C-alpha cells in the first residue's frame, strides 16, 4: 500500500521505517510543524519526576535542561523511547493516553515527595494536571513547544490523491485530522479521498474527519503507533 504519513518530520521518518518493514510505501507529508521554545535552563530543584505526554515534549525539555537523573513518566511507548534516546534512564510508560498516565502516576510516585513537572505543548489541555491534582499531586506545567499546521498539501501529494495513487492516510491526532480535512477541502480533493482509508489513533481523530467521505475509517485499538500500524494491516 502507498500510505500518506502526516506526522511532523522527525516522527514521520520513524513511521516511514516501520511501514517499509511491513511492506508498505510511505509518502511523507507532515501536516504539523514543531517549534521548540528557546529560553533559560528549566529549574528542576525539588521536582520528583517529569511528566511527558508526547515525544516532542521530551525533545523540548532535553534542550532546556542537562539533567537526566529524574524519573520520567511517559504517556506511551513512543514518548518513552524518545526519553531513553535523549538519556533518561528511569522511564515508565502508561501505555495509553493522558488519563491512563494520570491513573498510573500514583503507582510510581507519592504526592508527599514533591511536585511533578509536565513538559507540555502550548496547546496542552490541562486534563493531566487536573486529574493528578484531584489525586493530591502538585503539577507544574512548563509550556516549552508549540505545534503549527500547514495550509496546503505538497503538490506531489495533491497529484497522487487526484490520480488515486494513495491507498491510506495515517492520522495521529485530532488536530492532524482537522488539518487534513482543511487541506483536502481547500484544494477541491474531497472526491479524490473517497477511496482512501483513514487510519486514526483515536475516536476523536476519526470524528474530526466528519466533513469528508473517506473510503474507510479505522480506529486503532490503543492510542499508540504499533496499534495504529496493526490497524492499517
Foldseek 3Di string as FASTA:
>chain_A
DEEEEAAEDVVSVVLQVVCVVVVYHYDYWHFKYKFFADDEADDCVLAQEEEEQDLVLLVSNLRRHVDQAHAYEYAADVNQVSSVVSPRDRYHYLHAHLVSSLVCVVVPDDQVSGAYEYSAAPPDPCPNQVSNVVVVHHYHYDHGMYMDGDQATDPVVVVCLQVLVHAEYEEQDLVSLLSVQRHCVVVVSLVSQLRHEYQYLAPSNVVSNVVGNHVYYHYFPGNDDVSSVVRVD
